[in-house]
N, C-alpha and C. Protein backbone atom coordinates (compact mmCIF):
# COMPACT_ATOMS: atom_id res chain seq x y z
N MET A 1 -65.64 -54.66 -44.05
CA MET A 1 -66.48 -54.57 -45.22
C MET A 1 -66.56 -53.12 -45.72
N ALA A 2 -66.69 -52.15 -44.81
CA ALA A 2 -66.78 -50.74 -45.21
C ALA A 2 -65.48 -50.30 -45.88
N ALA A 3 -64.34 -50.76 -45.35
CA ALA A 3 -63.06 -50.39 -45.95
C ALA A 3 -62.95 -50.95 -47.36
N GLU A 4 -63.46 -52.17 -47.55
CA GLU A 4 -63.43 -52.80 -48.87
C GLU A 4 -64.29 -52.02 -49.86
N ALA A 5 -65.46 -51.57 -49.43
CA ALA A 5 -66.34 -50.78 -50.30
C ALA A 5 -65.69 -49.45 -50.65
N ALA A 6 -65.06 -48.80 -49.67
CA ALA A 6 -64.39 -47.53 -49.93
C ALA A 6 -63.23 -47.74 -50.89
N ARG A 7 -62.48 -48.82 -50.73
CA ARG A 7 -61.35 -49.10 -51.60
C ARG A 7 -61.85 -49.34 -53.03
N SER A 8 -62.94 -50.09 -53.18
CA SER A 8 -63.44 -50.37 -54.52
C SER A 8 -63.92 -49.09 -55.19
N ARG A 9 -64.45 -48.15 -54.43
CA ARG A 9 -64.86 -46.86 -55.01
C ARG A 9 -63.67 -46.11 -55.57
N THR A 10 -62.55 -46.11 -54.85
CA THR A 10 -61.39 -45.35 -55.31
C THR A 10 -60.71 -46.02 -56.48
N GLU A 11 -60.86 -47.34 -56.63
CA GLU A 11 -60.21 -48.05 -57.72
C GLU A 11 -61.05 -48.07 -58.99
N THR A 12 -62.33 -47.80 -58.87
CA THR A 12 -63.23 -47.84 -60.01
C THR A 12 -63.07 -46.56 -60.83
N ARG A 13 -63.10 -46.73 -62.13
CA ARG A 13 -63.03 -45.59 -63.05
C ARG A 13 -64.32 -45.54 -63.85
N PRO A 14 -64.75 -44.35 -64.22
CA PRO A 14 -65.98 -44.23 -65.01
C PRO A 14 -65.85 -44.87 -66.39
N THR A 15 -66.95 -45.43 -66.86
CA THR A 15 -66.99 -45.93 -68.24
C THR A 15 -66.98 -44.72 -69.17
N ASP A 16 -66.89 -44.97 -70.47
CA ASP A 16 -66.92 -43.86 -71.42
C ASP A 16 -68.22 -43.07 -71.31
N ALA A 17 -69.36 -43.77 -71.21
CA ALA A 17 -70.65 -43.08 -71.11
C ALA A 17 -70.73 -42.26 -69.81
N GLN A 18 -70.26 -42.83 -68.72
CA GLN A 18 -70.27 -42.12 -67.45
C GLN A 18 -69.35 -40.92 -67.49
N ARG A 19 -68.18 -41.09 -68.09
CA ARG A 19 -67.21 -40.00 -68.20
C ARG A 19 -67.79 -38.85 -69.03
N ARG A 20 -68.45 -39.17 -70.14
CA ARG A 20 -69.05 -38.11 -70.99
C ARG A 20 -70.09 -37.33 -70.20
N TRP A 21 -70.94 -38.04 -69.45
CA TRP A 21 -71.99 -37.37 -68.69
C TRP A 21 -71.39 -36.52 -67.58
N LEU A 22 -70.47 -37.09 -66.83
CA LEU A 22 -69.85 -36.35 -65.71
C LEU A 22 -69.10 -35.12 -66.20
N ALA A 23 -68.40 -35.26 -67.31
CA ALA A 23 -67.59 -34.15 -67.84
C ALA A 23 -68.44 -32.94 -68.20
N ARG A 24 -69.69 -33.18 -68.55
CA ARG A 24 -70.57 -32.06 -68.91
C ARG A 24 -70.89 -31.18 -67.70
N GLY A 25 -70.68 -31.68 -66.49
CA GLY A 25 -70.92 -30.88 -65.30
C GLY A 25 -69.76 -29.98 -64.94
N LEU A 26 -68.60 -30.20 -65.55
CA LEU A 26 -67.41 -29.42 -65.20
C LEU A 26 -67.58 -27.93 -65.47
N GLY A 27 -68.23 -27.56 -66.54
CA GLY A 27 -68.36 -26.15 -66.89
C GLY A 27 -69.68 -25.53 -66.47
N GLU A 28 -70.49 -26.27 -65.75
CA GLU A 28 -71.80 -25.76 -65.34
C GLU A 28 -71.78 -25.19 -63.92
N PRO A 29 -72.56 -24.16 -63.67
CA PRO A 29 -72.65 -23.62 -62.31
C PRO A 29 -73.07 -24.70 -61.32
N GLY A 30 -72.32 -24.84 -60.26
CA GLY A 30 -72.62 -25.84 -59.24
C GLY A 30 -72.36 -27.26 -59.68
N GLY A 31 -71.82 -27.45 -60.88
CA GLY A 31 -71.55 -28.80 -61.38
C GLY A 31 -72.80 -29.51 -61.86
N LYS A 32 -73.85 -28.73 -62.24
CA LYS A 32 -75.12 -29.35 -62.66
C LYS A 32 -74.89 -30.29 -63.83
N LEU A 33 -75.45 -31.49 -63.70
CA LEU A 33 -75.34 -32.50 -64.74
C LEU A 33 -76.60 -32.48 -65.60
N PRO A 34 -76.45 -32.69 -66.91
CA PRO A 34 -77.59 -32.58 -67.81
C PRO A 34 -78.56 -33.75 -67.70
N LEU A 35 -79.80 -33.49 -68.02
CA LEU A 35 -80.82 -34.54 -68.09
C LEU A 35 -80.78 -35.22 -69.47
N PHE A 36 -80.25 -34.50 -70.47
CA PHE A 36 -80.25 -34.99 -71.85
C PHE A 36 -78.84 -34.98 -72.41
N ASP A 37 -78.57 -35.91 -73.33
CA ASP A 37 -77.26 -35.96 -73.97
C ASP A 37 -77.20 -34.93 -75.11
N GLY A 38 -76.10 -34.89 -75.81
CA GLY A 38 -75.90 -33.93 -76.89
C GLY A 38 -76.86 -34.10 -78.06
N ASP A 39 -77.51 -35.27 -78.16
CA ASP A 39 -78.47 -35.53 -79.23
C ASP A 39 -79.91 -35.31 -78.79
N GLY A 40 -80.09 -34.80 -77.56
CA GLY A 40 -81.43 -34.53 -77.07
C GLY A 40 -82.13 -35.73 -76.45
N GLN A 41 -81.41 -36.83 -76.30
CA GLN A 41 -81.98 -38.03 -75.69
C GLN A 41 -81.74 -38.00 -74.18
N GLN A 42 -82.71 -38.50 -73.41
CA GLN A 42 -82.53 -38.55 -71.96
C GLN A 42 -81.32 -39.41 -71.62
N VAL A 43 -80.50 -38.93 -70.69
CA VAL A 43 -79.33 -39.70 -70.24
C VAL A 43 -79.84 -41.01 -69.65
N ASP A 44 -79.19 -42.10 -70.00
CA ASP A 44 -79.61 -43.42 -69.55
C ASP A 44 -79.65 -43.45 -68.02
N PRO A 45 -80.78 -43.80 -67.44
CA PRO A 45 -80.88 -43.84 -65.97
C PRO A 45 -79.86 -44.78 -65.32
N ARG A 46 -79.42 -45.80 -66.06
CA ARG A 46 -78.39 -46.71 -65.51
C ARG A 46 -77.07 -45.96 -65.33
N THR A 47 -76.78 -45.05 -66.24
CA THR A 47 -75.56 -44.23 -66.12
C THR A 47 -75.66 -43.35 -64.89
N VAL A 48 -76.79 -42.70 -64.72
CA VAL A 48 -77.02 -41.81 -63.57
C VAL A 48 -76.90 -42.61 -62.27
N GLN A 49 -77.60 -43.74 -62.18
CA GLN A 49 -77.60 -44.53 -60.95
C GLN A 49 -76.21 -45.07 -60.62
N ALA A 50 -75.46 -45.49 -61.63
CA ALA A 50 -74.11 -46.00 -61.40
C ALA A 50 -73.21 -44.89 -60.85
N CYS A 51 -73.34 -43.69 -61.39
CA CYS A 51 -72.53 -42.56 -60.91
C CYS A 51 -72.92 -42.16 -59.49
N LEU A 52 -74.21 -42.24 -59.18
CA LEU A 52 -74.66 -41.96 -57.82
C LEU A 52 -74.07 -42.98 -56.84
N ARG A 53 -74.11 -44.26 -57.22
CA ARG A 53 -73.56 -45.31 -56.34
C ARG A 53 -72.07 -45.13 -56.08
N GLN A 54 -71.36 -44.66 -57.08
CA GLN A 54 -69.91 -44.45 -56.93
C GLN A 54 -69.58 -43.16 -56.18
N GLY A 55 -70.58 -42.30 -55.99
CA GLY A 55 -70.33 -41.03 -55.31
C GLY A 55 -69.79 -39.95 -56.23
N TRP A 56 -69.84 -40.18 -57.55
CA TRP A 56 -69.35 -39.20 -58.52
C TRP A 56 -70.39 -38.12 -58.79
N ALA A 57 -71.63 -38.40 -58.49
CA ALA A 57 -72.73 -37.45 -58.66
C ALA A 57 -73.62 -37.58 -57.43
N GLU A 58 -74.41 -36.53 -57.21
CA GLU A 58 -75.35 -36.57 -56.09
C GLU A 58 -76.63 -35.87 -56.51
N PRO A 59 -77.76 -36.32 -55.94
CA PRO A 59 -79.01 -35.61 -56.23
C PRO A 59 -78.88 -34.16 -55.79
N TRP A 60 -79.48 -33.26 -56.56
CA TRP A 60 -79.30 -31.85 -56.24
C TRP A 60 -80.62 -31.19 -55.90
N ILE A 61 -81.46 -30.99 -56.88
CA ILE A 61 -82.72 -30.29 -56.63
C ILE A 61 -83.88 -31.11 -57.22
N ALA A 62 -85.05 -30.89 -56.67
CA ALA A 62 -86.24 -31.52 -57.20
C ALA A 62 -86.69 -30.76 -58.44
N ASN A 63 -87.18 -31.47 -59.42
CA ASN A 63 -87.70 -30.85 -60.64
C ASN A 63 -89.22 -30.79 -60.51
N PRO A 64 -89.78 -29.61 -60.23
CA PRO A 64 -91.23 -29.52 -60.00
C PRO A 64 -92.07 -29.87 -61.23
N ILE A 65 -91.53 -29.68 -62.42
CA ILE A 65 -92.27 -29.96 -63.63
C ILE A 65 -92.29 -31.46 -63.93
N LYS A 66 -91.17 -32.12 -63.69
CA LYS A 66 -91.05 -33.56 -63.94
C LYS A 66 -90.44 -34.20 -62.69
N PRO A 67 -91.24 -34.48 -61.68
CA PRO A 67 -90.69 -35.00 -60.41
C PRO A 67 -90.00 -36.35 -60.55
N ASP A 68 -90.26 -37.09 -61.64
CA ASP A 68 -89.60 -38.37 -61.82
C ASP A 68 -88.19 -38.23 -62.41
N TRP A 69 -87.81 -37.03 -62.83
CA TRP A 69 -86.47 -36.79 -63.34
C TRP A 69 -85.55 -36.41 -62.20
N LEU A 70 -84.40 -37.03 -62.15
CA LEU A 70 -83.44 -36.81 -61.08
C LEU A 70 -82.40 -35.78 -61.54
N VAL A 71 -82.41 -34.60 -60.94
CA VAL A 71 -81.45 -33.54 -61.26
C VAL A 71 -80.26 -33.72 -60.33
N CYS A 72 -79.08 -33.89 -60.93
CA CYS A 72 -77.87 -34.19 -60.15
C CYS A 72 -76.79 -33.17 -60.40
N ARG A 73 -75.79 -33.22 -59.53
CA ARG A 73 -74.60 -32.39 -59.74
C ARG A 73 -73.36 -33.24 -59.50
N LEU A 74 -72.28 -32.78 -60.07
CA LEU A 74 -70.99 -33.44 -59.96
C LEU A 74 -70.44 -33.23 -58.56
N THR A 75 -69.84 -34.27 -58.00
CA THR A 75 -69.22 -34.17 -56.67
C THR A 75 -67.71 -34.00 -56.83
N ASP A 76 -67.05 -33.70 -55.72
CA ASP A 76 -65.59 -33.63 -55.75
C ASP A 76 -65.00 -34.98 -56.17
N ALA A 77 -65.61 -36.07 -55.72
CA ALA A 77 -65.14 -37.41 -56.12
C ALA A 77 -65.30 -37.59 -57.63
N GLY A 78 -66.36 -37.04 -58.19
CA GLY A 78 -66.56 -37.10 -59.63
C GLY A 78 -65.50 -36.33 -60.38
N ARG A 79 -65.14 -35.17 -59.86
CA ARG A 79 -64.07 -34.38 -60.49
C ARG A 79 -62.75 -35.15 -60.45
N ARG A 80 -62.47 -35.77 -59.32
CA ARG A 80 -61.23 -36.56 -59.20
C ARG A 80 -61.26 -37.77 -60.15
N ALA A 81 -62.42 -38.41 -60.28
CA ALA A 81 -62.56 -39.56 -61.17
C ALA A 81 -62.29 -39.16 -62.63
N LEU A 82 -62.55 -37.89 -62.95
CA LEU A 82 -62.28 -37.38 -64.28
C LEU A 82 -60.82 -36.93 -64.44
N GLY A 83 -60.08 -37.03 -63.36
CA GLY A 83 -58.67 -36.66 -63.42
C GLY A 83 -58.40 -35.23 -63.00
N GLY A 84 -59.39 -34.56 -62.45
CA GLY A 84 -59.21 -33.17 -62.03
C GLY A 84 -59.12 -33.06 -60.54
N ASP A 85 -59.06 -31.84 -60.09
CA ASP A 85 -59.01 -31.55 -58.66
C ASP A 85 -60.43 -31.30 -58.15
N ALA A 86 -60.57 -31.44 -56.86
CA ALA A 86 -61.85 -31.11 -56.22
C ALA A 86 -62.10 -29.62 -56.38
N GLU A 87 -63.35 -29.23 -56.28
CA GLU A 87 -63.71 -27.82 -56.40
C GLU A 87 -63.07 -27.05 -55.24
N PRO A 88 -62.52 -25.87 -55.53
CA PRO A 88 -61.87 -25.09 -54.45
C PRO A 88 -62.83 -24.66 -53.37
């Protein structure tokens, strides 16, 4: 069962919304992913949760001002899912 789950992770590709969100972490220090999209709207929590489940993003730091907001960063798996290399 674990091998099947790992295989499904490697075969899954990000949706367009997931790809847009993940790509924004490529140029940020530490791969920080934004809380808001380019229009100032909060990133859909379903997008964030789906990327976390796939291992493309990971929780990073707690937000003391808004503890209910999940601050994440891009993982090496996320970089690979975008077609790039893992961070050196």
